Every structure is written in C-alpha cells, then in structure tokens.
Amino acid sequence: MNLFNIFDTTGHALNTQNIRLNIIASNIGNANTVASSPDEAYKALNPIFSQAIDQATGLTDGSVAVQSIETSDRPHPMLYQPDNPMADENGYIYQSNVNSIEEMANMIAASRSYQTNVEVVNTSKTLMLETIRMGR
C-alpha cells in the first residue's frame, strides 16, 4: 500500500468539491434572472457524482469524480409583468428554476466537505513527518 494514495484520493475529493462549489456559485448568480420563455430561462445545474474507476484495471480506488452535470427539470416560476420588455404575448416573464435556499444548503455542505478534506491532507502530512522524525 502506497502512503501517498491518501493525497491522490483527497486531491480528487477537493477537485470534485471545487467543481460543486463553482456550479453552486453559477446557480446562485443566475437565481434572479428572467427570460421571455421557459426554454430561454436559466436552468439550475446539478453535479452527478460517481466513484472514480481506473480505466486500466476497472477497479475503484475510493476516489470520487463528477460523472456529469445535469440541468434541473423543475418548472420555472411565471410572473405577470405585462410592462416588462421581456414579457411574452400573454404578459408573463419566466424566472430561473434555482431554489436559493437549497443552493445555500448545498454550498454549506460542499464547503464543509472541502474543509474536511483539507484537514485530512494536513493530518496525513503531519503524521508522515512525525514518522520520518521517529526514524532519525
């Protein structure tokens, strides 16, 4: 067993949580956008995670990866604003389907997961340095 595998695994986890935080930031940034049709309105993005699989062996090493990024199929809220230049022929505009409260909860979870993985790296580094010092 390689002692440095922990750094590979946590590196994958940090990268994955970074991608997750970027997606959340994009969703929150577009939460208040409007469009003239549901097809044009911003659709919330959701990362789909999976275990990372080694292409050569077909085995998993315990790492996580982003399998895909899906768009939400949640309906878009409609607002009646006939004076809005983006209103459709019936006077409606369509908001993004981002749930800001859900995104904030996801942001807290992703941030804590990121912080936890940083602590794993720091603890592993400290333990390895202590092991080297014991050998002196």
N, C-alpha and C. Protein backbone atom coordinates (compact mmCIF):
# COMPACT_ATOMS: atom_id res chain seq x y z
N MET A 1 0.85 -1.18 0.00
CA MET A 1 0.00 0.00 0.00
C MET A 1 0.89 1.24 0.00
N ASN A 2 0.60 2.15 -0.88
CA ASN A 2 1.36 3.38 -1.01
C ASN A 2 0.81 4.42 -0.03
N LEU A 3 1.69 5.00 0.76
CA LEU A 3 1.27 6.01 1.74
C LEU A 3 0.75 7.28 1.08
N PHE A 4 1.13 7.50 -0.16
CA PHE A 4 0.73 8.73 -0.84
C PHE A 4 -0.64 8.62 -1.51
N ASN A 5 -1.27 7.44 -1.47
CA ASN A 5 -2.61 7.28 -2.04
C ASN A 5 -3.62 8.22 -1.39
N ILE A 6 -3.42 8.50 -0.11
CA ILE A 6 -4.35 9.39 0.58
C ILE A 6 -4.37 10.77 -0.06
N PHE A 7 -3.20 11.21 -0.56
CA PHE A 7 -3.14 12.52 -1.20
C PHE A 7 -3.86 12.50 -2.55
N ASP A 8 -3.76 11.38 -3.26
CA ASP A 8 -4.49 11.25 -4.53
C ASP A 8 -6.00 11.28 -4.29
N THR A 9 -6.44 10.50 -3.30
CA THR A 9 -7.87 10.41 -3.00
C THR A 9 -8.43 11.75 -2.55
N THR A 10 -7.73 12.40 -1.62
CA THR A 10 -8.23 13.69 -1.14
C THR A 10 -8.10 14.76 -2.23
N GLY A 11 -7.11 14.63 -3.10
CA GLY A 11 -6.99 15.56 -4.22
C GLY A 11 -8.19 15.47 -5.14
N HIS A 12 -8.63 14.23 -5.42
CA HIS A 12 -9.84 14.04 -6.24
C HIS A 12 -11.06 14.65 -5.53
N ALA A 13 -11.15 14.42 -4.22
CA ALA A 13 -12.28 14.95 -3.45
C ALA A 13 -12.28 16.48 -3.44
N LEU A 14 -11.10 17.08 -3.27
CA LEU A 14 -11.01 18.54 -3.29
C LEU A 14 -11.40 19.10 -4.65
N ASN A 15 -10.95 18.46 -5.71
CA ASN A 15 -11.30 18.90 -7.06
C ASN A 15 -12.81 18.79 -7.29
N THR A 16 -13.39 17.69 -6.84
CA THR A 16 -14.82 17.48 -7.02
C THR A 16 -15.63 18.52 -6.26
N GLN A 17 -15.24 18.80 -5.01
CA GLN A 17 -15.96 19.81 -4.23
C GLN A 17 -15.76 21.21 -4.82
N ASN A 18 -14.60 21.46 -5.42
CA ASN A 18 -14.37 22.73 -6.08
C ASN A 18 -15.32 22.90 -7.27
N ILE A 19 -15.48 21.85 -8.06
CA ILE A 19 -16.43 21.88 -9.18
C ILE A 19 -17.85 22.11 -8.65
N ARG A 20 -18.20 21.40 -7.59
CA ARG A 20 -19.52 21.54 -6.98
C ARG A 20 -19.76 22.99 -6.52
N LEU A 21 -18.76 23.60 -5.87
CA LEU A 21 -18.90 24.99 -5.42
C LEU A 21 -19.02 25.96 -6.60
N ASN A 22 -18.32 25.70 -7.69
CA ASN A 22 -18.44 26.55 -8.88
C ASN A 22 -19.84 26.46 -9.49
N ILE A 23 -20.40 25.26 -9.51
CA ILE A 23 -21.76 25.08 -10.04
C ILE A 23 -22.77 25.81 -9.15
N ILE A 24 -22.60 25.68 -7.84
CA ILE A 24 -23.49 26.37 -6.90
C ILE A 24 -23.39 27.87 -7.10
N ALA A 25 -22.18 28.40 -7.27
CA ALA A 25 -21.99 29.83 -7.49
C ALA A 25 -22.69 30.28 -8.77
N SER A 26 -22.61 29.47 -9.81
CA SER A 26 -23.30 29.79 -11.06
C SER A 26 -24.81 29.82 -10.85
N ASN A 27 -25.32 28.83 -10.11
CA ASN A 27 -26.76 28.79 -9.85
C ASN A 27 -27.22 30.01 -9.05
N ILE A 28 -26.48 30.34 -7.99
CA ILE A 28 -26.86 31.49 -7.16
C ILE A 28 -26.75 32.79 -7.96
N GLY A 29 -25.73 32.89 -8.78
CA GLY A 29 -25.55 34.08 -9.61
C GLY A 29 -26.66 34.29 -10.61
N ASN A 30 -27.29 33.22 -11.05
CA ASN A 30 -28.36 33.30 -12.04
C ASN A 30 -29.75 33.13 -11.44
N ALA A 31 -29.84 33.12 -10.13
CA ALA A 31 -31.12 32.85 -9.46
C ALA A 31 -32.19 33.89 -9.78
N ASN A 32 -31.81 35.12 -10.00
CA ASN A 32 -32.79 36.18 -10.22
C ASN A 32 -32.92 36.61 -11.67
N THR A 33 -32.43 35.80 -12.59
CA THR A 33 -32.55 36.15 -14.00
C THR A 33 -33.94 35.80 -14.51
N VAL A 34 -34.36 36.50 -15.55
CA VAL A 34 -35.66 36.24 -16.16
C VAL A 34 -35.50 36.11 -17.67
N ALA A 35 -36.50 35.50 -18.29
CA ALA A 35 -36.50 35.32 -19.74
C ALA A 35 -37.93 35.40 -20.24
N SER A 36 -38.08 35.43 -21.55
CA SER A 36 -39.41 35.55 -22.13
C SER A 36 -40.08 34.21 -22.41
N SER A 37 -39.37 33.11 -22.15
CA SER A 37 -39.97 31.78 -22.29
C SER A 37 -39.28 30.82 -21.34
N PRO A 38 -39.95 29.72 -20.98
CA PRO A 38 -39.30 28.75 -20.10
C PRO A 38 -38.06 28.11 -20.73
N ASP A 39 -38.05 27.99 -22.05
CA ASP A 39 -36.90 27.39 -22.73
C ASP A 39 -35.66 28.27 -22.64
N GLU A 40 -35.85 29.60 -22.59
CA GLU A 40 -34.74 30.54 -22.52
C GLU A 40 -34.29 30.81 -21.09
N ALA A 41 -35.13 30.50 -20.10
CA ALA A 41 -34.82 30.79 -18.71
C ALA A 41 -33.68 29.90 -18.23
N TYR A 42 -32.90 30.45 -17.29
CA TYR A 42 -31.77 29.70 -16.75
C TYR A 42 -32.27 28.47 -16.00
N LYS A 43 -31.65 27.35 -16.27
CA LYS A 43 -31.99 26.09 -15.60
C LYS A 43 -30.88 25.75 -14.62
N ALA A 44 -31.27 25.44 -13.39
CA ALA A 44 -30.30 25.10 -12.35
C ALA A 44 -29.47 23.89 -12.78
N LEU A 45 -28.20 23.92 -12.45
CA LEU A 45 -27.29 22.82 -12.76
C LEU A 45 -27.07 21.97 -11.51
N ASN A 46 -26.95 20.67 -11.70
CA ASN A 46 -26.72 19.74 -10.59
C ASN A 46 -25.61 18.76 -10.97
N PRO A 47 -24.53 18.70 -10.17
CA PRO A 47 -23.48 17.73 -10.48
C PRO A 47 -23.90 16.33 -10.05
N ILE A 48 -23.54 15.34 -10.84
CA ILE A 48 -23.80 13.93 -10.53
C ILE A 48 -22.44 13.30 -10.25
N PHE A 49 -22.29 12.75 -9.03
CA PHE A 49 -21.03 12.17 -8.61
C PHE A 49 -21.03 10.66 -8.79
N SER A 50 -19.84 10.11 -8.98
CA SER A 50 -19.68 8.66 -9.04
C SER A 50 -18.29 8.32 -8.53
N GLN A 51 -18.07 7.04 -8.29
CA GLN A 51 -16.74 6.59 -7.91
C GLN A 51 -15.83 6.66 -9.12
N ALA A 52 -14.61 7.10 -8.90
CA ALA A 52 -13.63 7.13 -9.98
C ALA A 52 -13.16 5.71 -10.24
N ILE A 53 -13.15 5.31 -11.51
CA ILE A 53 -12.75 3.96 -11.88
C ILE A 53 -11.48 4.04 -12.71
N ASP A 54 -10.49 3.24 -12.34
CA ASP A 54 -9.24 3.17 -13.09
C ASP A 54 -9.53 2.51 -14.44
N GLN A 55 -9.25 3.22 -15.52
CA GLN A 55 -9.54 2.71 -16.86
C GLN A 55 -8.74 1.46 -17.18
N ALA A 56 -7.53 1.35 -16.65
CA ALA A 56 -6.67 0.21 -16.97
C ALA A 56 -7.14 -1.06 -16.27
N THR A 57 -7.51 -0.95 -14.99
CA THR A 57 -7.87 -2.15 -14.23
C THR A 57 -9.37 -2.34 -14.06
N GLY A 58 -10.13 -1.25 -14.22
CA GLY A 58 -11.58 -1.34 -14.00
C GLY A 58 -11.95 -1.33 -12.52
N LEU A 59 -10.96 -1.06 -11.64
CA LEU A 59 -11.19 -1.05 -10.20
C LEU A 59 -11.35 0.38 -9.71
N THR A 60 -12.03 0.52 -8.58
CA THR A 60 -12.15 1.83 -7.95
C THR A 60 -11.09 1.98 -6.88
N ASP A 61 -10.60 3.20 -6.72
CA ASP A 61 -9.59 3.45 -5.68
C ASP A 61 -10.19 4.23 -4.51
N GLY A 62 -11.47 4.36 -4.46
CA GLY A 62 -12.13 5.08 -3.38
C GLY A 62 -12.31 6.56 -3.68
N SER A 63 -11.82 7.01 -4.82
CA SER A 63 -11.94 8.42 -5.18
C SER A 63 -13.33 8.71 -5.74
N VAL A 64 -13.65 9.98 -5.77
CA VAL A 64 -14.93 10.43 -6.31
C VAL A 64 -14.65 11.31 -7.52
N ALA A 65 -15.58 11.32 -8.46
CA ALA A 65 -15.44 12.14 -9.66
C ALA A 65 -16.81 12.66 -10.07
N VAL A 66 -16.80 13.72 -10.85
CA VAL A 66 -18.05 14.24 -11.40
C VAL A 66 -18.35 13.45 -12.66
N GLN A 67 -19.45 12.71 -12.61
CA GLN A 67 -19.85 11.88 -13.76
C GLN A 67 -20.46 12.76 -14.85
N SER A 68 -21.34 13.67 -14.46
CA SER A 68 -21.97 14.57 -15.42
C SER A 68 -22.57 15.76 -14.67
N ILE A 69 -22.99 16.74 -15.44
CA ILE A 69 -23.68 17.90 -14.88
C ILE A 69 -25.04 17.97 -15.58
N GLU A 70 -26.09 17.79 -14.80
CA GLU A 70 -27.45 17.74 -15.32
C GLU A 70 -28.16 19.07 -15.10
N THR A 71 -29.12 19.38 -15.95
CA THR A 71 -29.95 20.56 -15.74
C THR A 71 -31.23 20.14 -15.04
N SER A 72 -31.71 21.01 -14.19
CA SER A 72 -32.91 20.74 -13.40
C SER A 72 -34.15 20.78 -14.31
N ASP A 73 -35.08 19.88 -14.04
CA ASP A 73 -36.34 19.89 -14.79
C ASP A 73 -37.48 20.50 -13.96
N ARG A 74 -37.12 21.15 -12.86
CA ARG A 74 -38.10 21.84 -12.03
C ARG A 74 -38.77 22.94 -12.88
N PRO A 75 -40.07 23.16 -12.71
CA PRO A 75 -40.74 24.19 -13.53
C PRO A 75 -40.24 25.59 -13.18
N HIS A 76 -40.32 26.47 -14.16
CA HIS A 76 -39.91 27.86 -13.99
C HIS A 76 -41.09 28.69 -13.48
N PRO A 77 -40.88 29.48 -12.40
CA PRO A 77 -41.97 30.34 -11.94
C PRO A 77 -42.30 31.42 -12.97
N MET A 78 -43.58 31.67 -13.13
CA MET A 78 -44.05 32.70 -14.06
C MET A 78 -44.49 33.93 -13.26
N LEU A 79 -44.14 35.10 -13.77
CA LEU A 79 -44.58 36.35 -13.16
C LEU A 79 -45.34 37.16 -14.20
N TYR A 80 -46.46 37.70 -13.79
CA TYR A 80 -47.24 38.54 -14.70
C TYR A 80 -46.71 39.96 -14.64
N GLN A 81 -46.02 40.38 -15.67
CA GLN A 81 -45.45 41.73 -15.77
C GLN A 81 -45.59 42.21 -17.22
N PRO A 82 -46.80 42.61 -17.59
CA PRO A 82 -47.03 42.99 -19.00
C PRO A 82 -46.19 44.17 -19.47
N ASP A 83 -45.71 45.02 -18.55
CA ASP A 83 -44.89 46.17 -18.94
C ASP A 83 -43.42 45.82 -19.12
N ASN A 84 -43.03 44.63 -18.73
CA ASN A 84 -41.64 44.22 -18.86
C ASN A 84 -41.33 43.96 -20.34
N PRO A 85 -40.23 44.52 -20.85
CA PRO A 85 -39.90 44.30 -22.27
C PRO A 85 -39.65 42.83 -22.63
N MET A 86 -39.37 42.00 -21.64
CA MET A 86 -39.13 40.58 -21.91
C MET A 86 -40.41 39.74 -21.83
N ALA A 87 -41.54 40.36 -21.51
CA ALA A 87 -42.79 39.63 -21.35
C ALA A 87 -43.22 38.99 -22.66
N ASP A 88 -43.82 37.79 -22.54
CA ASP A 88 -44.35 37.13 -23.74
C ASP A 88 -45.67 37.78 -24.14
N GLU A 89 -46.33 37.21 -25.14
CA GLU A 89 -47.58 37.81 -25.66
C GLU A 89 -48.71 37.84 -24.62
N ASN A 90 -48.60 37.01 -23.58
CA ASN A 90 -49.60 36.99 -22.51
C ASN A 90 -49.19 37.86 -21.31
N GLY A 91 -48.01 38.50 -21.37
CA GLY A 91 -47.57 39.38 -20.31
C GLY A 91 -46.75 38.70 -19.22
N TYR A 92 -46.31 37.49 -19.46
CA TYR A 92 -45.56 36.74 -18.44
C TYR A 92 -44.06 36.74 -18.74
N ILE A 93 -43.28 36.77 -17.66
CA ILE A 93 -41.85 36.51 -17.75
C ILE A 93 -41.57 35.26 -16.92
N TYR A 94 -40.48 34.58 -17.21
CA TYR A 94 -40.16 33.31 -16.56
C TYR A 94 -38.85 33.45 -15.80
N GLN A 95 -38.91 33.10 -14.53
CA GLN A 95 -37.72 33.15 -13.68
C GLN A 95 -36.91 31.87 -13.82
N SER A 96 -35.67 31.92 -13.34
CA SER A 96 -34.87 30.70 -13.32
C SER A 96 -35.50 29.73 -12.31
N ASN A 97 -35.19 28.46 -12.44
CA ASN A 97 -35.75 27.46 -11.52
C ASN A 97 -34.79 27.13 -10.39
N VAL A 98 -33.93 28.07 -10.03
CA VAL A 98 -32.97 27.89 -8.94
C VAL A 98 -33.68 28.12 -7.61
N ASN A 99 -33.50 27.19 -6.69
CA ASN A 99 -34.01 27.33 -5.33
C ASN A 99 -32.84 27.83 -4.48
N SER A 100 -32.85 29.12 -4.14
CA SER A 100 -31.72 29.74 -3.44
C SER A 100 -31.45 29.11 -2.08
N ILE A 101 -32.48 28.72 -1.37
CA ILE A 101 -32.30 28.11 -0.05
C ILE A 101 -31.60 26.76 -0.20
N GLU A 102 -32.03 25.98 -1.16
CA GLU A 102 -31.40 24.68 -1.43
C GLU A 102 -29.94 24.87 -1.83
N GLU A 103 -29.67 25.87 -2.65
CA GLU A 103 -28.30 26.14 -3.09
C GLU A 103 -27.42 26.55 -1.92
N MET A 104 -27.96 27.35 -1.01
CA MET A 104 -27.17 27.76 0.17
C MET A 104 -26.84 26.55 1.04
N ALA A 105 -27.81 25.65 1.22
CA ALA A 105 -27.55 24.43 1.99
C ALA A 105 -26.50 23.57 1.30
N ASN A 106 -26.58 23.46 -0.02
CA ASN A 106 -25.57 22.71 -0.78
C ASN A 106 -24.20 23.36 -0.66
N MET A 107 -24.17 24.70 -0.64
CA MET A 107 -22.90 25.41 -0.52
C MET A 107 -22.25 25.13 0.83
N ILE A 108 -23.04 25.13 1.89
CA ILE A 108 -22.51 24.84 3.22
C ILE A 108 -21.95 23.41 3.26
N ALA A 109 -22.71 22.46 2.71
CA ALA A 109 -22.26 21.06 2.71
C ALA A 109 -20.97 20.89 1.90
N ALA A 110 -20.90 21.52 0.72
CA ALA A 110 -19.71 21.41 -0.12
C ALA A 110 -18.51 22.07 0.55
N SER A 111 -18.74 23.21 1.17
CA SER A 111 -17.67 23.92 1.86
C SER A 111 -17.12 23.10 3.03
N ARG A 112 -18.01 22.48 3.79
CA ARG A 112 -17.56 21.65 4.91
C ARG A 112 -16.83 20.41 4.44
N SER A 113 -17.29 19.83 3.36
CA SER A 113 -16.61 18.67 2.81
C SER A 113 -15.21 19.06 2.32
N TYR A 114 -15.11 20.21 1.69
CA TYR A 114 -13.81 20.71 1.24
C TYR A 114 -12.88 20.91 2.43
N GLN A 115 -13.39 21.57 3.47
CA GLN A 115 -12.59 21.81 4.67
C GLN A 115 -12.14 20.51 5.33
N THR A 116 -13.02 19.53 5.36
CA THR A 116 -12.69 18.24 5.95
C THR A 116 -11.56 17.57 5.17
N ASN A 117 -11.61 17.64 3.86
CA ASN A 117 -10.55 17.03 3.05
C ASN A 117 -9.22 17.77 3.21
N VAL A 118 -9.26 19.08 3.40
CA VAL A 118 -8.04 19.83 3.69
C VAL A 118 -7.45 19.36 5.01
N GLU A 119 -8.29 19.12 6.00
CA GLU A 119 -7.82 18.62 7.30
C GLU A 119 -7.21 17.23 7.17
N VAL A 120 -7.78 16.38 6.31
CA VAL A 120 -7.22 15.05 6.07
C VAL A 120 -5.82 15.17 5.50
N VAL A 121 -5.64 16.07 4.54
CA VAL A 121 -4.32 16.28 3.94
C VAL A 121 -3.33 16.77 4.99
N ASN A 122 -3.74 17.76 5.77
CA ASN A 122 -2.85 18.31 6.80
C ASN A 122 -2.48 17.28 7.86
N THR A 123 -3.46 16.50 8.30
CA THR A 123 -3.19 15.46 9.30
C THR A 123 -2.27 14.39 8.74
N SER A 124 -2.52 13.97 7.52
CA SER A 124 -1.66 12.95 6.89
C SER A 124 -0.23 13.45 6.75
N LYS A 125 -0.09 14.70 6.34
CA LYS A 125 1.25 15.30 6.21
C LYS A 125 1.96 15.32 7.56
N THR A 126 1.24 15.73 8.60
CA THR A 126 1.83 15.77 9.93
C THR A 126 2.25 14.39 10.40
N LEU A 127 1.41 13.39 10.18
CA LEU A 127 1.74 12.03 10.59
C LEU A 127 2.95 11.48 9.84
N MET A 128 3.04 11.78 8.56
CA MET A 128 4.19 11.32 7.78
C MET A 128 5.48 11.98 8.26
N LEU A 129 5.41 13.28 8.56
CA LEU A 129 6.58 13.97 9.07
C LEU A 129 7.00 13.41 10.43
N GLU A 130 6.05 13.11 11.28
CA GLU A 130 6.36 12.51 12.59
C GLU A 130 6.98 11.13 12.42
N THR A 131 6.52 10.37 11.45
CA THR A 131 7.09 9.04 11.18
C THR A 131 8.53 9.17 10.74
N ILE A 132 8.81 10.17 9.90
CA ILE A 132 10.19 10.38 9.44
C ILE A 132 11.08 10.79 10.61
N ARG A 133 10.56 11.64 11.49
CA ARG A 133 11.34 12.08 12.66
C ARG A 133 11.64 10.90 13.58
N MET A 134 10.73 9.94 13.70
CA MET A 134 10.96 8.79 14.57
C MET A 134 12.11 7.94 14.05
N GLY A 135 12.32 7.94 12.74
CA GLY A 135 13.38 7.14 12.15
C GLY A 135 14.76 7.73 12.32
N ARG A 136 14.87 8.93 12.84
CA ARG A 136 16.18 9.59 12.99
C ARG A 136 16.88 9.16 14.24
